[in-house]
Amino acid sequence: MQKKIPMRQCLGCREMKPKRELIRVVRSPEGEISLDFKGKANGRGAYICRQPACLAKAMKSRALERAFSAPVPLEVMARLQAEMEAGGE
């Protein structure tokens, strides 16, 4: 029997994609927002495609802020952009 592939929704394009294809942004129980590349960090997670267009849409619609009910630091957004430029499609 084939193993089930976990699917998550991108905050930018709103498409369901396999979890491994997305970047996870996590808000820890202490309220710290960071990137989670292993997918195991404790806290509330939100997912974004590895495409700069999806990040731009998510930033414009303030989707990350709504997902976490908290402002997202500029350092996190800068790291996300750098990650997409380095490892984009």
PDB file of N, CA and C in Angstrom:
ATOM      1  N   MET A   1       0.841  -1.184   0.000  1.00  0.00           N
ATOM      2  CA  MET A   1       0.000   0.000   0.000  1.00  0.00           C
ATOM      3  C   MET A   1       0.890   1.253   0.000  1.00  0.00           C
ATOM      4  N   GLN A   2       0.534   2.224  -0.825  1.00  0.00           N
ATOM      5  CA  GLN A   2       1.347   3.421  -0.960  1.00  0.00           C
ATOM      6  C   GLN A   2       1.124   4.355   0.227  1.00  0.00           C
ATOM      7  N   LYS A   3       2.219   4.970   0.678  1.00  0.00           N
ATOM      8  CA  LYS A   3       2.158   5.882   1.802  1.00  0.00           C
ATOM      9  C   LYS A   3       1.466   7.184   1.382  1.00  0.00           C
ATOM     10  N   LYS A   4       0.638   7.729   2.270  1.00  0.00           N
ATOM     11  CA  LYS A   4      -0.076   8.969   1.979  1.00  0.00           C
ATOM     12  C   LYS A   4       0.884  10.162   2.035  1.00  0.00           C
ATOM     13  N   ILE A   5       0.809  11.036   1.033  1.00  0.00           N
ATOM     14  CA  ILE A   5       1.664  12.220   0.975  1.00  0.00           C
ATOM     15  C   ILE A   5       0.926  13.375   1.643  1.00  0.00           C
ATOM     16  N   PRO A   6       1.517  13.971   2.703  1.00  0.00           N
ATOM     17  CA  PRO A   6       0.843  15.093   3.356  1.00  0.00           C
ATOM     18  C   PRO A   6       0.797  16.317   2.444  1.00  0.00           C
ATOM     19  N   MET A   7      -0.374  16.934   2.339  1.00  0.00           N
ATOM     20  CA  MET A   7      -0.568  18.101   1.488  1.00  0.00           C
ATOM     21  C   MET A   7      -0.809  19.330   2.371  1.00  0.00           C
ATOM     22  N   ARG A   8      -0.295  20.473   1.927  1.00  0.00           N
ATOM     23  CA  ARG A   8      -0.497  21.733   2.628  1.00  0.00           C
ATOM     24  C   ARG A   8      -0.836  22.806   1.610  1.00  0.00           C
ATOM     25  N   GLN A   9      -1.499  23.881   2.078  1.00  0.00           N
ATOM     26  CA  GLN A   9      -1.905  24.958   1.185  1.00  0.00           C
ATOM     27  C   GLN A   9      -0.917  26.121   1.268  1.00  0.00           C
ATOM     28  N   CYS A  10      -0.483  26.580   0.101  1.00  0.00           N
ATOM     29  CA  CYS A  10       0.404  27.738   0.023  1.00  0.00           C
ATOM     30  C   CYS A  10      -0.396  29.003   0.344  1.00  0.00           C
ATOM     31  N   LEU A  11       0.172  29.899   1.156  1.00  0.00           N
ATOM     32  CA  LEU A  11      -0.519  31.141   1.499  1.00  0.00           C
ATOM     33  C   LEU A  11      -0.554  32.126   0.339  1.00  0.00           C
ATOM     34  N   GLY A  12       0.359  31.968  -0.625  1.00  0.00           N
ATOM     35  CA  GLY A  12       0.411  32.884  -1.762  1.00  0.00           C
ATOM     36  C   GLY A  12      -0.568  32.518  -2.853  1.00  0.00           C
ATOM     37  N   CYS A  13      -0.388  31.332  -3.447  1.00  0.00           N
ATOM     38  CA  CYS A  13      -1.221  30.925  -4.587  1.00  0.00           C
ATOM     39  C   CYS A  13      -2.455  30.134  -4.157  1.00  0.00           C
ATOM     40  N   ARG A  14      -2.527  29.732  -2.891  1.00  0.00           N
ATOM     41  CA  ARG A  14      -3.675  29.005  -2.321  1.00  0.00           C
ATOM     42  C   ARG A  14      -3.845  27.611  -2.924  1.00  0.00           C
ATOM     43  N   GLU A  15      -2.783  27.057  -3.506  1.00  0.00           N
ATOM     44  CA  GLU A  15      -2.840  25.707  -4.088  1.00  0.00           C
ATOM     45  C   GLU A  15      -2.372  24.680  -3.070  1.00  0.00           C
ATOM     46  N   MET A  16      -2.983  23.500  -3.111  1.00  0.00           N
ATOM     47  CA  MET A  16      -2.555  22.399  -2.271  1.00  0.00           C
ATOM     48  C   MET A  16      -1.352  21.733  -2.945  1.00  0.00           C
ATOM     49  N   LYS A  17      -0.270  21.571  -2.188  1.00  0.00           N
ATOM     50  CA  LYS A  17       0.955  20.964  -2.717  1.00  0.00           C
ATOM     51  C   LYS A  17       1.536  20.035  -1.656  1.00  0.00           C
ATOM     52  N   PRO A  18       2.391  19.094  -2.085  1.00  0.00           N
ATOM     53  CA  PRO A  18       3.049  18.229  -1.091  1.00  0.00           C
ATOM     54  C   PRO A  18       3.872  19.064  -0.109  1.00  0.00           C
ATOM     55  N   LYS A  19       3.807  18.686   1.143  1.00  0.00           N
ATOM     56  CA  LYS A  19       4.463  19.422   2.217  1.00  0.00           C
ATOM     57  C   LYS A  19       5.953  19.649   1.956  1.00  0.00           C
ATOM     58  N   ARG A  20       6.634  18.680   1.369  1.00  0.00           N
ATOM     59  CA  ARG A  20       8.083  18.776   1.127  1.00  0.00           C
ATOM     60  C   ARG A  20       8.443  19.852   0.101  1.00  0.00           C
ATOM     61  N   GLU A  21       7.498  20.261  -0.748  1.00  0.00           N
ATOM     62  CA  GLU A  21       7.776  21.269  -1.772  1.00  0.00           C
ATOM     63  C   GLU A  21       7.634  22.693  -1.249  1.00  0.00           C
ATOM     64  N   LEU A  22       7.151  22.845  -0.021  1.00  0.00           N
ATOM     65  CA  LEU A  22       6.862  24.160   0.533  1.00  0.00           C
ATOM     66  C   LEU A  22       7.850  24.530   1.629  1.00  0.00           C
ATOM     67  N   ILE A  23       7.955  25.838   1.901  1.00  0.00           N
ATOM     68  CA  ILE A  23       8.768  26.337   3.009  1.00  0.00           C
ATOM     69  C   ILE A  23       7.827  26.589   4.178  1.00  0.00           C
ATOM     70  N   ARG A  24       8.195  26.088   5.355  1.00  0.00           N
ATOM     71  CA  ARG A  24       7.362  26.264   6.545  1.00  0.00           C
ATOM     72  C   ARG A  24       7.877  27.444   7.356  1.00  0.00           C
ATOM     73  N   VAL A  25       6.949  28.327   7.699  1.00  0.00           N
ATOM     74  CA  VAL A  25       7.232  29.430   8.610  1.00  0.00           C
ATOM     75  C   VAL A  25       6.480  29.082   9.880  1.00  0.00           C
ATOM     76  N   VAL A  26       7.129  29.189  11.028  1.00  0.00           N
ATOM     77  CA  VAL A  26       6.515  28.740  12.273  1.00  0.00           C
ATOM     78  C   VAL A  26       6.549  29.836  13.339  1.00  0.00           C
ATOM     79  N   ARG A  27       5.452  29.907  14.112  1.00  0.00           N
ATOM     80  CA  ARG A  27       5.414  30.787  15.288  1.00  0.00           C
ATOM     81  C   ARG A  27       5.459  29.896  16.513  1.00  0.00           C
ATOM     82  N   SER A  28       6.520  30.039  17.288  1.00  0.00           N
ATOM     83  CA  SER A  28       6.707  29.197  18.469  1.00  0.00           C
ATOM     84  C   SER A  28       5.694  29.580  19.547  1.00  0.00           C
ATOM     85  N   PRO A  29       5.502  28.724  20.548  1.00  0.00           N
ATOM     86  CA  PRO A  29       4.591  29.068  21.655  1.00  0.00           C
ATOM     87  C   PRO A  29       4.995  30.359  22.379  1.00  0.00           C
ATOM     88  N   GLU A  30       6.289  30.734  22.297  1.00  0.00           N
ATOM     89  CA  GLU A  30       6.754  31.977  22.921  1.00  0.00           C
ATOM     90  C   GLU A  30       6.451  33.196  22.045  1.00  0.00           C
ATOM     91  N   GLY A  31       6.017  32.974  20.807  1.00  0.00           N
ATOM     92  CA  GLY A  31       5.661  34.067  19.912  1.00  0.00           C
ATOM     93  C   GLY A  31       6.744  34.425  18.907  1.00  0.00           C
ATOM     94  N   GLU A  32       7.850  33.704  18.895  1.00  0.00           N
ATOM     95  CA  GLU A  32       8.948  33.984  17.957  1.00  0.00           C
ATOM     96  C   GLU A  32       8.631  33.364  16.597  1.00  0.00           C
ATOM     97  N   ILE A  33       8.785  34.141  15.533  1.00  0.00           N
ATOM     98  CA  ILE A  33       8.507  33.662  14.179  1.00  0.00           C
ATOM     99  C   ILE A  33       9.829  33.376  13.482  1.00  0.00           C
ATOM    100  N   SER A  34       9.939  32.178  12.875  1.00  0.00           N
ATOM    101  CA  SER A  34      11.171  31.779  12.208  1.00  0.00           C
ATOM    102  C   SER A  34      10.866  30.809  11.077  1.00  0.00           C
ATOM    103  N   LEU A  35      11.900  30.490  10.283  1.00  0.00           N
ATOM    104  CA  LEU A  35      11.761  29.508   9.214  1.00  0.00           C
ATOM    105  C   LEU A  35      12.081  28.131   9.773  1.00  0.00           C
ATOM    106  N   ASP A  36      11.351  27.119   9.307  1.00  0.00           N
ATOM    107  CA  ASP A  36      11.543  25.751   9.777  1.00  0.00           C
ATOM    108  C   ASP A  36      11.763  24.853   8.569  1.00  0.00           C
ATOM    109  N   PHE A  37      13.023  24.483   8.313  1.00  0.00           N
ATOM    110  CA  PHE A  37      13.339  23.684   7.131  1.00  0.00           C
ATOM    111  C   PHE A  37      13.141  22.196   7.362  1.00  0.00           C
ATOM    112  N   LYS A  38      13.174  21.756   8.610  1.00  0.00           N
ATOM    113  CA  LYS A  38      12.987  20.339   8.914  1.00  0.00           C
ATOM    114  C   LYS A  38      11.508  19.970   9.030  1.00  0.00           C
ATOM    115  N   GLY A  39      10.643  20.956   9.307  1.00  0.00           N
ATOM    116  CA  GLY A  39       9.216  20.691   9.433  1.00  0.00           C
ATOM    117  C   GLY A  39       8.830  20.080  10.759  1.00  0.00           C
ATOM    118  N   LYS A  40       9.706  20.179  11.748  1.00  0.00           N
ATOM    119  CA  LYS A  40       9.453  19.542  13.036  1.00  0.00           C
ATOM    120  C   LYS A  40       9.367  20.527  14.198  1.00  0.00           C
ATOM    121  N   ALA A  41       9.595  21.806  13.956  1.00  0.00           N
ATOM    122  CA  ALA A  41       9.600  22.784  15.039  1.00  0.00           C
ATOM    123  C   ALA A  41       8.223  22.872  15.690  1.00  0.00           C
ATOM    124  N   ASN A  42       8.232  23.090  16.978  1.00  0.00           N
ATOM    125  CA  ASN A  42       7.003  23.181  17.751  1.00  0.00           C
ATOM    126  C   ASN A  42       6.341  24.535  17.496  1.00  0.00           C
ATOM    127  N   GLY A  43       5.039  24.546  17.269  1.00  0.00           N
ATOM    128  CA  GLY A  43       4.312  25.794  17.095  1.00  0.00           C
ATOM    129  C   GLY A  43       3.391  25.772  15.889  1.00  0.00           C
ATOM    130  N   ARG A  44       2.789  26.913  15.626  1.00  0.00           N
ATOM    131  CA  ARG A  44       1.844  27.092  14.525  1.00  0.00           C
ATOM    132  C   ARG A  44       2.613  27.275  13.223  1.00  0.00           C
ATOM    133  N   GLY A  45       2.304  26.477  12.220  1.00  0.00           N
ATOM    134  CA  GLY A  45       3.016  26.554  10.957  1.00  0.00           C
ATOM    135  C   GLY A  45       2.161  27.119   9.836  1.00  0.00           C
ATOM    136  N   ALA A  46       2.820  27.777   8.898  1.00  0.00           N
ATOM    137  CA  ALA A  46       2.182  28.264   7.681  1.00  0.00           C
ATOM    138  C   ALA A  46       3.158  27.960   6.544  1.00  0.00           C
ATOM    139  N   TYR A  47       2.634  27.719   5.363  1.00  0.00           N
ATOM    140  CA  TYR A  47       3.458  27.245   4.254  1.00  0.00           C
ATOM    141  C   TYR A  47       3.406  28.183   3.062  1.00  0.00           C
ATOM    142  N   ILE A  48       4.549  28.297   2.384  1.00  0.00           N
ATOM    143  CA  ILE A  48       4.652  29.130   1.178  1.00  0.00           C
ATOM    144  C   ILE A  48       5.453  28.359   0.136  1.00  0.00           C
ATOM    145  N   CYS A  49       5.036  28.453  -1.141  1.00  0.00           N
ATOM    146  CA  CYS A  49       5.778  27.847  -2.254  1.00  0.00           C
ATOM    147  C   CYS A  49       7.173  28.449  -2.321  1.00  0.00           C
ATOM    148  N   ARG A  50       8.042  27.781  -3.044  1.00  0.00           N
ATOM    149  CA  ARG A  50       9.411  28.264  -3.214  1.00  0.00           C
ATOM    150  C   ARG A  50       9.527  29.223  -4.394  1.00  0.00           C
ATOM    151  N   GLN A  51       8.459  29.913  -4.736  1.00  0.00           N
ATOM    152  CA  GLN A  51       8.459  30.849  -5.861  1.00  0.00           C
ATOM    153  C   GLN A  51       8.296  32.273  -5.341  1.00  0.00           C
ATOM    154  N   PRO A  52       9.130  33.195  -5.816  1.00  0.00           N
ATOM    155  CA  PRO A  52       9.040  34.588  -5.356  1.00  0.00           C
ATOM    156  C   PRO A  52       7.660  35.210  -5.577  1.00  0.00           C
ATOM    157  N   ALA A  53       6.940  34.797  -6.626  1.00  0.00           N
ATOM    158  CA  ALA A  53       5.612  35.361  -6.896  1.00  0.00           C
ATOM    159  C   ALA A  53       4.636  35.016  -5.761  1.00  0.00           C
ATOM    160  N   CYS A  54       4.752  33.813  -5.211  1.00  0.00           N
ATOM    161  CA  CYS A  54       3.877  33.411  -4.107  1.00  0.00           C
ATOM    162  C   CYS A  54       4.189  34.217  -2.852  1.00  0.00           C
ATOM    163  N   LEU A  55       5.468  34.465  -2.598  1.00  0.00           N
ATOM    164  CA  LEU A  55       5.846  35.276  -1.432  1.00  0.00           C
ATOM    165  C   LEU A  55       5.330  36.703  -1.595  1.00  0.00           C
ATOM    166  N   ALA A  56       5.431  37.246  -2.810  1.00  0.00           N
ATOM    167  CA  ALA A  56       4.948  38.603  -3.066  1.00  0.00           C
ATOM    168  C   ALA A  56       3.444  38.693  -2.815  1.00  0.00           C
ATOM    169  N   LYS A  57       2.695  37.684  -3.270  1.00  0.00           N
ATOM    170  CA  LYS A  57       1.243  37.673  -3.038  1.00  0.00           C
ATOM    171  C   LYS A  57       0.930  37.582  -1.550  1.00  0.00           C
ATOM    172  N   ALA A  58       1.639  36.712  -0.846  1.00  0.00           N
ATOM    173  CA  ALA A  58       1.410  36.527   0.591  1.00  0.00           C
ATOM    174  C   ALA A  58       1.742  37.804   1.363  1.00  0.00           C
ATOM    175  N   MET A  59       2.807  38.509   0.955  1.00  0.00           N
ATOM    176  CA  MET A  59       3.174  39.763   1.616  1.00  0.00           C
ATOM    177  C   MET A  59       2.135  40.840   1.346  1.00  0.00           C
ATOM    178  N   LYS A  60       1.670  40.910   0.097  1.00  0.00           N
ATOM    179  CA  LYS A  60       0.695  41.938  -0.277  1.00  0.00           C
ATOM    180  C   LYS A  60      -0.626  41.748   0.462  1.00  0.00           C
ATOM    181  N   SER A  61      -1.063  40.502   0.583  1.00  0.00           N
ATOM    182  CA  SER A  61      -2.340  40.232   1.251  1.00  0.00           C
ATOM    183  C   SER A  61      -2.190  40.066   2.764  1.00  0.00           C
ATOM    184  N   ARG A  62      -0.949  40.193   3.258  1.00  0.00           N
ATOM    185  CA  ARG A  62      -0.649  40.055   4.682  1.00  0.00           C
ATOM    186  C   ARG A  62      -1.108  38.694   5.224  1.00  0.00           C
ATOM    187  N   ALA A  63      -0.945  37.662   4.402  1.00  0.00           N
ATOM    188  CA  ALA A  63      -1.403  36.314   4.752  1.00  0.00           C
ATOM    189  C   ALA A  63      -0.646  35.727   5.939  1.00  0.00           C
ATOM    190  N   LEU A  64       0.665  35.970   6.018  1.00  0.00           N
ATOM    191  CA  LEU A  64       1.435  35.448   7.154  1.00  0.00           C
ATOM    192  C   LEU A  64       0.992  36.096   8.464  1.00  0.00           C
ATOM    193  N   GLU A  65       0.766  37.401   8.432  1.00  0.00           N
ATOM    194  CA  GLU A  65       0.306  38.093   9.643  1.00  0.00           C
ATOM    195  C   GLU A  65      -1.041  37.538  10.107  1.00  0.00           C
ATOM    196  N   ARG A  66      -1.938  37.271   9.159  1.00  0.00           N
ATOM    197  CA  ARG A  66      -3.246  36.720   9.513  1.00  0.00           C
ATOM    198  C   ARG A  66      -3.135  35.291  10.030  1.00  0.00           C
ATOM    199  N   ALA A  67      -2.247  34.501   9.431  1.00  0.00           N
ATOM    200  CA  ALA A  67      -2.082  33.110   9.855  1.00  0.00           C
ATOM    201  C   ALA A  67      -1.568  33.022  11.290  1.00  0.00           C
ATOM    202  N   PHE A  68      -0.705  33.950  11.667  1.00  0.00           N
ATOM    203  CA  PHE A  68      -0.105  33.914  13.006  1.00  0.00           C
ATOM    204  C   PHE A  68      -0.761  34.876  13.985  1.00  0.00           C
ATOM    205  N   SER A  69      -1.654  35.728  13.529  1.00  0.00           N
ATOM    206  CA  SER A  69      -2.259  36.767  14.370  1.00  0.00           C
ATOM    207  C   SER A  69      -1.180  37.604  15.054  1.00  0.00           C
ATOM    208  N   ALA A  70      -0.110  37.861  14.318  1.00  0.00           N
ATOM    209  CA  ALA A  70       1.012  38.639  14.847  1.00  0.00           C
ATOM    210  C   ALA A  70       1.810  39.224  13.682  1.00  0.00           C
ATOM    211  N   PRO A  71       2.484  40.362  13.900  1.00  0.00           N
ATOM    212  CA  PRO A  71       3.327  40.914  12.830  1.00  0.00           C
ATOM    213  C   PRO A  71       4.542  40.021  12.577  1.00  0.00           C
ATOM    214  N   VAL A  72       4.922  39.914  11.316  1.00  0.00           N
ATOM    215  CA  VAL A  72       6.083  39.099  10.936  1.00  0.00           C
ATOM    216  C   VAL A  72       7.288  40.020  10.807  1.00  0.00           C
ATOM    217  N   PRO A  73       8.391  39.732  11.538  1.00  0.00           N
ATOM    218  CA  PRO A  73       9.571  40.600  11.471  1.00  0.00           C
ATOM    219  C   PRO A  73      10.159  40.669  10.057  1.00  0.00           C
ATOM    220  N   LEU A  74      10.762  41.800   9.738  1.00  0.00           N
ATOM    221  CA  LEU A  74      11.365  41.989   8.415  1.00  0.00           C
ATOM    222  C   LEU A  74      12.509  41.016   8.178  1.00  0.00           C
ATOM    223  N   GLU A  75      13.228  40.610   9.246  1.00  0.00           N
ATOM    224  CA  GLU A  75      14.332  39.660   9.086  1.00  0.00           C
ATOM    225  C   GLU A  75      13.830  38.332   8.528  1.00  0.00           C
ATOM    226  N   VAL A  76      12.642  37.895   8.988  1.00  0.00           N
ATOM    227  CA  VAL A  76      12.070  36.627   8.521  1.00  0.00           C
ATOM    228  C   VAL A  76      11.706  36.741   7.041  1.00  0.00           C
ATOM    229  N   MET A  77      11.110  37.858   6.655  1.00  0.00           N
ATOM    230  CA  MET A  77      10.753  38.072   5.248  1.00  0.00           C
ATOM    231  C   MET A  77      12.016  38.112   4.378  1.00  0.00           C
ATOM    232  N   ALA A  78      13.074  38.759   4.882  1.00  0.00           N
ATOM    233  CA  ALA A  78      14.323  38.834   4.127  1.00  0.00           C
ATOM    234  C   ALA A  78      14.939  37.442   3.968  1.00  0.00           C
ATOM    235  N   ARG A  79      14.900  36.625   5.015  1.00  0.00           N
ATOM    236  CA  ARG A  79      15.438  35.263   4.922  1.00  0.00           C
ATOM    237  C   ARG A  79      14.630  34.426   3.946  1.00  0.00           C
ATOM    238  N   LEU A  80      13.310  34.622   3.947  1.00  0.00           N
ATOM    239  CA  LEU A  80      12.451  33.896   3.002  1.00  0.00           C
ATOM    240  C   LEU A  80      12.821  34.262   1.570  1.00  0.00           C
ATOM    241  N   GLN A  81      12.982  35.552   1.298  1.00  0.00           N
ATOM    242  CA  GLN A  81      13.349  35.986  -0.049  1.00  0.00           C
ATOM    243  C   GLN A  81      14.706  35.440  -0.443  1.00  0.00           C
ATOM    244  N   ALA A  82      15.676  35.472   0.471  1.00  0.00           N
ATOM    245  CA  ALA A  82      17.006  34.959   0.178  1.00  0.00           C
ATOM    246  C   ALA A  82      16.958  33.453  -0.101  1.00  0.00           C
ATOM    247  N   GLU A  83      16.155  32.728   0.649  1.00  0.00           N
ATOM    248  CA  GLU A  83      16.022  31.275   0.455  1.00  0.00           C
ATOM    249  C   GLU A  83      15.427  30.967  -0.923  1.00  0.00           C
ATOM    250  N   MET A  84      14.447  31.754  -1.332  1.00  0.00           N
ATOM    251  CA  MET A  84      13.809  31.532  -2.634  1.00  0.00           C
ATOM    252  C   MET A  84      14.764  31.861  -3.786  1.00  0.00           C
ATOM    253  N   GLU A  85      15.559  32.909  -3.619  1.00  0.00           N
ATOM    254  CA  GLU A  85      16.523  33.269  -4.663  1.00  0.00           C
ATOM    255  C   GLU A  85      17.627  32.225  -4.767  1.00  0.00           C
ATOM    256  N   ALA A  86      18.036  31.671  -3.628  1.00  0.00           N
ATOM    257  CA  ALA A  86      19.119  30.677  -3.627  1.00  0.00           C
ATOM    258  C   ALA A  86      18.648  29.310  -4.118  1.00  0.00           C
ATOM    259  N   GLY A  87      17.485  28.890  -3.663  1.00  0.00           N
ATOM    260  CA  GLY A  87      17.030  27.542  -4.003  1.00  0.00           C
ATOM    261  C   GLY A  87      15.754  27.496  -4.817  1.00  0.00           C
ATOM    262  N   GLY A  88      15.470  28.549  -5.559  1.00  0.00           N
ATOM    263  CA  GLY A  88      14.244  28.595  -6.364  1.00  0.00           C
ATOM    264  C   GLY A  88      14.285  27.585  -7.494  1.00  0.00           C
ATOM    265  N   GLU A  89      13.156  27.453  -8.169  1.00  0.00           N
ATOM    266  CA  GLU A  89      13.031  26.460  -9.246  1.00  0.00           C
ATOM    267  C   GLU A  89      13.874  26.794 -10.401  1.00  0.00           C
TER     268      GLU A  89
END
